[in-house]
Protein backbone atom coordinates (compact mmCIF):
# COMPACT_ATOMS: atom_id res chain seq x y z
CA MET A 1 167.98 27.94 -65.42
CA SER A 2 168.10 31.40 -67.04
CA LEU A 3 167.71 31.81 -70.81
CA GLY A 4 171.46 32.58 -71.01
CA GLY A 5 172.28 29.30 -69.20
CA TRP A 6 169.85 27.40 -71.49
CA MET A 7 171.51 29.02 -74.72
CA ASN A 8 174.96 28.19 -73.28
CA LYS A 9 174.03 24.52 -72.88
CA ILE A 10 172.61 24.31 -76.43
CA LEU A 11 175.82 25.86 -77.80
CA ILE A 12 178.07 23.44 -75.91
CA ASP A 13 175.95 20.51 -76.98
CA TRP A 14 176.45 21.72 -80.70
CA GLY A 15 180.20 21.52 -80.16
CA VAL A 16 181.04 25.11 -79.56
CA ASP A 17 183.94 25.73 -77.33
CA PRO A 18 182.76 26.63 -73.83
CA LYS A 19 184.67 29.99 -73.83
CA LEU A 20 182.94 31.05 -76.85
CA ALA A 21 179.67 29.78 -75.56
CA ASN A 22 180.10 31.92 -72.42
CA MET A 23 180.82 34.95 -74.63
CA PHE A 24 177.98 34.67 -77.08
CA ASP A 25 175.02 32.93 -75.36
CA GLU A 26 173.57 36.14 -73.88
CA THR A 27 174.23 38.15 -77.06
CA ILE A 28 172.28 35.59 -79.14
CA ILE A 29 169.37 35.56 -76.65
CA ALA A 30 169.34 39.37 -76.89
CA LEU A 31 169.34 39.27 -80.76
CA LEU A 32 166.57 36.76 -80.68
CA MET A 33 164.55 38.99 -78.41
CA ILE A 34 165.08 41.93 -80.64
CA ALA A 35 164.06 39.74 -83.65
CA LEU A 36 160.91 38.69 -81.72
CA SER A 37 160.10 42.33 -81.01
CA VAL A 38 160.59 43.45 -84.61
CA GLY A 39 158.29 40.66 -85.68
CA LEU A 40 155.78 41.79 -83.03
CA ASP A 41 156.04 45.28 -84.34
CA TYR A 42 155.36 44.23 -87.90
CA LEU A 43 152.38 42.13 -86.74
CA CYS A 44 150.93 45.13 -84.74
CA GLN A 45 151.46 47.45 -87.77
CA ALA A 46 149.68 45.02 -89.90
CA ILE A 47 146.79 44.58 -87.44
CA PHE A 48 146.32 48.22 -86.07
CA VAL A 49 147.70 50.41 -88.87
CA GLY A 50 146.36 48.16 -91.65
CA GLY A 51 142.95 48.13 -89.82
CA MET A 52 142.80 51.84 -89.41
CA ARG A 53 143.89 52.32 -93.11
CA HIS A 54 141.03 49.86 -94.20
CA TYR A 55 138.52 51.75 -91.89
CA THR A 56 139.60 55.20 -93.27
CA THR A 57 139.17 53.96 -96.91
CA ARG A 58 135.65 52.73 -96.14
CA ALA A 59 134.49 55.58 -93.81
CA PRO A 60 136.90 58.54 -94.34
CA HIS A 61 136.41 61.10 -91.50
CA ARG A 62 138.60 64.08 -90.74
CA TRP A 63 140.12 62.68 -87.66
CA ASN A 64 141.14 59.23 -88.86
CA THR A 65 142.32 60.65 -92.21
CA LEU A 66 144.64 62.98 -90.46
CA LEU A 67 145.85 60.32 -87.96
CA MET A 68 146.85 58.23 -90.98
CA LYS A 69 148.35 61.21 -92.75
CA ARG A 70 150.58 62.09 -89.81
CA LYS A 71 151.37 58.43 -89.08
CA VAL A 72 150.30 58.89 -85.41
CA VAL A 73 149.17 55.20 -84.95
CA HIS A 74 152.27 54.11 -86.95
CA HIS A 75 154.63 55.82 -84.38
CA LEU A 76 152.59 54.77 -81.43
CA ILE A 77 152.81 51.04 -82.35
CA HIS A 78 156.64 51.45 -82.41
CA ILE A 79 156.71 51.92 -78.71
CA LEU A 80 155.54 48.35 -78.00
CA PRO A 81 158.62 46.39 -79.12
CA GLY A 82 160.78 48.93 -77.17
CA ILE A 83 158.87 48.22 -73.87
CA LEU A 84 158.99 44.51 -74.63
CA VAL A 85 162.73 44.29 -75.27
CA TYR A 86 163.37 46.53 -72.19
CA PHE A 87 161.65 44.06 -69.85
CA LEU A 88 163.12 40.97 -71.49
CA LEU A 89 166.67 42.02 -71.52
CA PRO A 90 167.34 41.02 -67.82
CA LEU A 91 166.32 37.52 -68.80
CA ALA A 92 169.18 37.44 -71.42
CA PHE A 93 172.05 39.34 -69.70
CA VAL A 94 172.44 37.59 -66.26
CA ARG A 95 176.25 37.89 -66.08
CA GLY A 96 176.93 41.16 -68.05
CA LYS A 97 175.36 43.85 -65.92
CA GLU A 98 177.15 46.73 -67.87
CA ILE A 99 175.88 45.35 -71.28
CA LEU A 100 172.31 44.98 -69.74
CA GLU A 101 172.42 48.67 -68.48
CA PHE A 102 173.62 49.92 -71.84
CA SER A 103 171.10 47.84 -73.83
CA GLN A 104 168.19 49.13 -71.63
CA LYS A 105 169.41 52.76 -72.10
CA ILE A 106 169.25 52.12 -75.91
CA CYS A 107 165.64 50.76 -75.43
CA VAL A 108 164.68 53.84 -73.45
CA VAL A 109 166.07 56.15 -75.99
CA TYR A 110 164.14 54.25 -78.67
CA ILE A 111 160.86 54.54 -76.55
CA ILE A 112 161.47 58.26 -76.07
CA VAL A 113 161.99 58.88 -79.73
CA ALA A 114 158.84 56.94 -80.62
CA VAL A 115 156.88 58.96 -78.10
CA LEU A 116 158.28 62.23 -79.30
CA LEU A 117 157.18 61.39 -83.00
CA THR A 118 153.76 60.30 -81.78
CA VAL A 119 153.23 63.65 -79.93
CA ASN A 120 154.69 65.52 -82.91
CA GLY A 121 152.16 63.77 -85.15
CA LEU A 122 149.34 64.76 -82.85
CA LEU A 123 150.44 68.38 -82.86
CA LEU A 124 150.31 68.27 -86.69
CA VAL A 125 146.92 66.72 -86.64
CA MET A 126 145.62 69.51 -84.38
CA PHE A 127 147.25 72.01 -86.69
CA ASP A 128 145.43 70.46 -89.74
CA ILE A 129 142.13 70.42 -87.87
CA TYR A 130 142.68 74.10 -87.04
CA ASN A 131 143.43 74.94 -90.62
CA THR A 132 140.18 73.35 -91.76
CA ASN A 133 138.27 76.00 -89.73
CA GLY A 134 137.13 78.43 -92.28
CA LYS A 135 137.35 81.34 -89.84
CA GLN A 136 140.79 80.54 -88.49
CA LYS A 137 142.59 79.03 -91.39
CA ASN A 138 144.25 82.36 -92.38
CA ARG A 139 145.83 82.95 -88.99
CA PRO A 140 149.54 82.42 -88.93
CA MET A 141 149.50 79.41 -86.49
CA LYS A 142 152.31 77.46 -88.21
CA GLY A 143 155.03 79.39 -86.43
CA PHE A 144 153.34 78.50 -83.00
CA VAL A 145 153.36 74.78 -84.01
CA GLN A 146 156.92 75.05 -85.01
CA VAL A 147 157.80 76.57 -81.62
CA LEU A 148 156.05 73.73 -79.84
CA GLN A 149 157.89 71.25 -82.09
CA VAL A 150 161.23 72.86 -81.21
CA LEU A 151 160.44 72.71 -77.50
CA LEU A 152 159.19 69.09 -77.71
CA PHE A 153 162.35 67.85 -79.44
CA PHE A 154 164.58 70.09 -77.28
CA ILE A 155 163.12 68.66 -74.09
CA GLY A 156 163.16 65.12 -75.54
CA GLY A 157 166.82 65.56 -76.46
CA ILE A 158 167.60 66.77 -72.88
CA ILE A 159 165.83 63.58 -71.44
CA ILE A 160 167.76 61.37 -73.84
CA ILE A 161 170.99 62.90 -72.74
CA ALA A 162 170.05 62.50 -69.07
CA VAL A 163 169.32 58.81 -69.64
CA LEU A 164 172.64 58.19 -71.43
CA VAL A 165 174.79 59.99 -68.89
CA ASN A 166 172.91 58.93 -65.84
CA LYS A 167 172.17 62.47 -64.77
CA SER A 168 168.94 63.85 -63.45
CA LEU A 169 166.89 66.36 -65.46
CA MET A 170 167.09 69.02 -62.86
CA SER A 171 170.91 68.97 -62.91
CA LEU A 172 171.03 69.07 -66.70
CA PHE A 173 168.61 72.10 -66.83
CA ALA A 174 170.68 73.79 -64.11
CA GLY A 175 173.70 73.34 -66.25
CA LEU A 176 171.83 74.83 -69.19
CA GLY A 177 171.05 77.98 -67.21
CA ALA A 178 174.69 78.85 -67.22
CA SER A 179 174.88 78.49 -71.10
CA ALA A 180 171.67 80.39 -71.65
CA ALA A 181 173.51 83.25 -73.40
CA VAL A 182 174.97 80.73 -75.81
CA LEU A 183 171.65 79.21 -76.52
CA MET A 184 170.04 82.57 -77.07
CA LEU A 185 172.76 83.49 -79.64
CA VAL A 186 172.39 80.09 -81.36
CA PHE A 187 168.49 80.49 -81.36
CA LYS A 188 168.39 84.19 -81.98
CA ASP A 189 166.42 84.04 -85.19
CA THR A 190 164.10 81.39 -83.79
CA ILE A 191 163.38 83.45 -80.70
CA LEU A 192 162.91 86.75 -82.66
CA GLY A 193 160.75 84.90 -85.16
CA PHE A 194 158.47 83.47 -82.28
CA VAL A 195 158.12 86.94 -80.72
CA ALA A 196 157.42 88.60 -84.05
CA GLY A 197 154.83 85.78 -84.85
CA VAL A 198 153.04 86.49 -81.64
CA GLN A 199 152.82 90.17 -82.33
CA LEU A 200 151.68 89.60 -85.97
CA SER A 201 148.94 87.27 -84.81
CA ALA A 202 147.89 89.11 -81.65
CA ASN A 203 147.49 92.40 -83.58
CA ASP A 204 146.06 90.60 -86.65
CA MET A 205 148.63 92.30 -88.80
CA LEU A 206 149.10 89.56 -91.30
CA ARG A 207 147.26 86.58 -92.57
CA ILE A 208 147.77 83.99 -95.21
CA GLY A 209 146.28 85.33 -98.49
CA ASP A 210 146.88 88.98 -97.60
CA TRP A 211 148.37 91.18 -100.35
CA ILE A 212 151.20 93.04 -98.84
CA VAL A 213 153.68 95.72 -100.23
CA LEU A 214 157.12 96.28 -98.50
CA PRO A 215 159.19 99.40 -98.99
CA ASN A 216 161.81 99.67 -101.82
CA ASP A 217 159.89 96.92 -103.81
CA THR A 218 161.38 94.27 -101.55
CA ALA A 219 158.16 92.25 -101.94
CA ASN A 220 154.78 92.96 -103.52
CA GLY A 221 152.40 90.06 -103.65
CA THR A 222 150.33 87.49 -101.67
CA VAL A 223 151.33 85.90 -98.50
CA GLU A 224 151.48 82.13 -98.93
CA GLU A 225 153.06 80.84 -95.87
CA ILE A 226 153.99 82.19 -92.33
CA THR A 227 156.53 80.02 -90.39
CA LEU A 228 158.70 80.47 -87.44
CA ASN A 229 161.62 81.99 -89.30
CA THR A 230 160.18 83.27 -92.71
CA VAL A 231 157.18 84.73 -94.31
CA LYS A 232 156.83 83.50 -97.92
CA ILE A 233 155.33 86.02 -100.34
CA ARG A 234 154.46 85.15 -103.98
CA ASN A 235 155.08 88.36 -105.95
CA TRP A 236 152.88 89.35 -108.93
CA ASP A 237 155.91 88.51 -111.25
CA LYS A 238 155.55 84.90 -109.82
CA THR A 239 158.82 85.11 -107.95
CA ILE A 240 158.99 84.12 -104.23
CA SER A 241 160.24 86.43 -101.59
CA THR A 242 161.11 85.18 -98.03
CA ILE A 243 161.16 87.83 -95.35
CA PRO A 244 162.00 87.25 -91.54
CA PRO A 245 158.87 87.87 -89.52
CA TYR A 246 160.65 90.39 -87.30
CA THR A 247 161.45 92.45 -90.34
CA LEU A 248 157.72 93.02 -90.81
CA VAL A 249 157.30 93.93 -87.10
CA ASN A 250 160.32 96.34 -87.04
CA ASN A 251 159.54 97.98 -90.39
CA SER A 252 156.50 99.44 -92.04
CA PHE A 253 154.64 97.52 -94.75
CA GLN A 254 151.34 98.09 -96.52
CA ASN A 255 148.56 95.44 -96.23
CA TRP A 256 145.69 95.63 -98.77
CA ARG A 257 143.38 93.40 -96.83
CA GLY A 258 141.38 96.40 -95.80
CA MET A 259 140.68 97.20 -99.41
CA GLN A 260 139.82 93.64 -100.20
CA GLU A 261 137.31 93.37 -97.35
CA SER A 262 135.72 96.84 -98.22
CA GLY A 263 133.11 97.76 -100.61
CA GLY A 264 135.56 99.02 -103.38
CA ARG A 265 138.92 99.70 -104.59
CA ARG A 266 140.05 103.30 -104.83
CA VAL A 267 140.79 105.08 -108.10
CA ASP A 268 142.56 108.48 -107.73
CA LYS A 269 143.83 110.09 -110.87
CA ASN A 270 144.33 113.56 -112.26
CA ILE A 271 143.19 115.02 -115.62
CA TYR A 272 145.32 118.03 -116.52
CA LEU A 273 143.60 120.75 -118.43
CA ASP A 274 145.24 123.37 -120.52
CA MET A 275 144.89 126.67 -118.44
CA THR A 276 144.45 128.78 -121.46
CA THR A 277 141.19 126.96 -122.43
CA LEU A 278 139.28 127.79 -119.33
CA GLN A 279 136.64 130.42 -119.91
CA PHE A 280 133.10 131.50 -118.86
CA CYS A 281 130.26 129.79 -120.79
CA THR A 282 128.07 131.90 -123.06
CA PRO A 283 124.43 130.90 -123.53
CA GLU A 284 125.33 129.53 -126.91
CA MET A 285 127.95 127.13 -125.27
CA LEU A 286 125.43 126.03 -122.66
CA ASP A 287 122.88 125.20 -125.33
CA THR A 288 125.53 123.23 -127.47
CA ILE A 289 126.64 121.26 -124.28
CA ARG A 290 122.95 120.47 -123.38
CA GLN A 291 122.40 119.05 -126.87
CA GLU A 292 125.66 117.16 -127.31
CA VAL A 293 125.95 115.82 -123.78
CA PRO A 294 122.91 113.85 -122.71
CA LEU A 295 123.81 113.91 -118.96
CA MET A 296 123.89 117.63 -119.08
CA ALA A 297 120.50 118.14 -120.86
CA ASP A 298 118.70 119.26 -117.74
CA TYR A 299 121.44 121.63 -116.46
CA GLN A 300 120.50 125.10 -115.42
CA PRO A 301 122.84 127.44 -113.76
CA ALA A 302 121.73 129.18 -110.57
CA GLU A 303 120.31 132.64 -111.02
CA GLY A 304 122.98 135.19 -111.64
CA GLU A 305 125.60 132.51 -112.05
CA VAL A 306 127.89 132.26 -114.97
CA PRO A 307 129.66 128.93 -114.93
CA THR A 308 133.01 128.13 -116.48
CA ASN A 309 133.39 125.24 -118.95
CA ALA A 310 135.80 123.58 -116.42
CA GLN A 311 132.97 123.71 -113.76
CA LEU A 312 130.56 122.09 -116.14
CA TYR A 313 133.14 119.42 -116.95
CA ARG A 314 133.61 118.68 -113.23
CA LEU A 315 129.86 118.44 -112.81
CA TYR A 316 129.64 116.10 -115.87
CA ILE A 317 132.34 113.83 -114.40
CA GLU A 318 130.38 113.51 -111.27
CA ARG A 319 127.11 112.69 -113.06
CA TYR A 320 128.77 110.22 -115.35
CA LEU A 321 130.32 108.32 -112.45
CA CYS A 322 127.05 108.39 -110.50
CA SER A 323 125.45 106.80 -113.63
CA LEU A 324 127.81 103.78 -113.58
CA PRO A 325 126.75 100.58 -111.58
CA ILE A 326 130.49 99.67 -111.20
CA VAL A 327 131.10 102.74 -109.04
CA ASN A 328 130.17 102.51 -105.38
CA GLN A 329 128.06 105.35 -104.48
CA ASP A 330 128.08 104.57 -100.82
CA MET A 331 131.88 105.50 -100.71
CA ASP A 332 133.68 108.67 -101.45
CA LEU A 333 133.21 110.17 -104.71
CA ILE A 334 135.08 113.49 -105.13
CA ILE A 335 135.78 115.64 -108.11
CA SER A 336 137.84 118.56 -107.32
CA GLN A 337 140.24 121.17 -108.85
CA LYS A 338 143.87 121.08 -107.52
CA GLU A 339 146.32 123.89 -107.41
CA PRO A 340 147.33 124.95 -110.95
CA SER A 341 150.94 124.21 -111.96
CA ALA A 342 153.23 124.51 -114.93
CA TYR A 343 151.55 121.32 -116.18
CA GLY A 344 148.12 122.84 -116.28
CA VAL A 345 145.09 122.76 -114.03
CA PRO A 346 144.73 119.20 -112.43
CA ILE A 347 141.21 117.90 -112.02
CA GLN A 348 141.23 115.17 -109.37
CA VAL A 349 138.91 112.31 -109.95
CA TYR A 350 138.50 110.20 -106.80
CA PHE A 351 136.12 107.16 -106.59
CA PHE A 352 135.84 103.57 -105.69
CA SER A 353 135.28 100.65 -108.09
CA ARG A 354 133.00 97.82 -106.90
CA ASN A 355 135.29 95.35 -108.77
CA LYS A 356 138.49 94.90 -106.92
CA VAL A 357 140.01 92.15 -109.07
CA TRP A 358 143.35 93.68 -110.31
CA LYS A 359 142.87 92.85 -114.09
CA GLU A 360 139.14 93.87 -114.29
CA TYR A 361 139.79 96.87 -112.03
CA GLU A 362 142.55 98.21 -114.48
CA HIS A 363 140.04 97.68 -117.37
CA ILE A 364 137.42 99.64 -115.72
CA GLN A 365 139.30 102.68 -114.73
CA SER A 366 141.10 102.60 -118.09
CA ASP A 367 137.64 102.79 -119.88
CA ILE A 368 136.28 105.40 -117.54
CA PHE A 369 139.31 107.75 -118.12
CA ASP A 370 139.34 107.12 -121.94
CA HIS A 371 135.73 108.45 -121.92
CA LEU A 372 136.51 111.37 -119.71
CA LEU A 373 139.55 112.36 -121.71
CA VAL A 374 137.58 112.35 -124.93
CA MET A 375 134.77 114.30 -123.44
CA VAL A 376 137.03 117.21 -122.56
CA SER A 377 136.64 118.68 -126.13
CA LYS A 378 132.80 118.84 -125.69
CA PHE A 379 133.37 121.63 -123.09
CA ASP A 380 135.67 123.56 -125.31
CA LEU A 381 138.61 122.51 -123.07
CA LYS A 382 141.87 121.01 -124.07
CA LEU A 383 144.15 118.59 -122.26
CA TYR A 384 147.58 119.82 -121.33
CA GLN A 385 150.29 118.11 -123.28
CA PHE A 386 153.93 118.88 -122.86
CA SER A 387 155.74 120.03 -126.05
CA MET A 388 159.33 120.46 -126.81
CA SER A 389 158.74 124.16 -127.82
CA GLU A 390 157.72 124.87 -124.19
CA ASN A 391 160.82 123.18 -122.95
CA SER A 392 163.04 125.37 -125.16
CA ALA A 393 161.10 128.47 -123.89
CA HIS A 394 161.74 127.53 -120.30
CA THR A 395 165.42 126.89 -120.83
CA GLY A 396 165.93 130.01 -122.96
CA ARG A 397 167.07 128.08 -126.02
């Protein structure tokens, strides 16, 4: 006697009408099987997941900690009750073939979903392990993982549809080929983001932690996250900008990583001298400068040379910067005079600070230029400063 017949006999013995017994005997057996499978699931969860959790607490390793974090074992155990119910259902539904087929389809869908969640958890575990690698953690791999997740669930969805409608996978994929244009339109941003992510990674254009600047002040800050569809940038004012990856590929942006990895951060400023104060140095001026400016104490002009006070000032700037440990002497240090303009004679001061931290860098360059601006008077020079009287003279008022 089948399980359905056995339940039918029990129901009739309990006084249930035979017609009702014939209607519900197999359904009751199926519900009991599901209850048994759910109980088995809880038992396996308690044994395997509980055991893994206990082991992880006692001996935490990278792999078992990540397996618990991403619930890989948890999802894997869910496959067991689905398989059990699938093979037990024929014992319950002897007369109702259509109900049996539908119930088994539901079991197959459940098993496929559990497998998909398990594989997805394994993908995330591998991504976490990849991120723990000190050399690779800044690579934008999250976008690739998201692409694999999209493909995984897309293929899983196609398999589920094939199971429900009793169609082969090949026929479904052939049908999808005809609607590829529609799919490309729907997933346009995803496809563009994936291609852009490949370009950003292959050319090492962007990493997590990079300081980047986009044109028109769209974003100016540190890259916090790179995903399939967005690049998240925390600006210096603590706001968050989200930029599509293909925007970075199609347009120019400035990446300060080269500066951060180099030996210094550039300082490039001009000091504007009043043109009317430039003059040749007399012997008396030279003696005064030697006495009042220690770094110029040993200065002797070349034979027959009559230096200007601006020339001595440029030499002093170079000696002063060379005396500072914070200035990287192995990188360019250039003091030059630029073309005179209506705003005076610009002296370009170009060097690299060893300290690249923004706040400290600003303090360093500010202190250096405070000193250089004050020292201008020691060479009988004056700084150019715009005045309203000059503006009136230019405008004829």
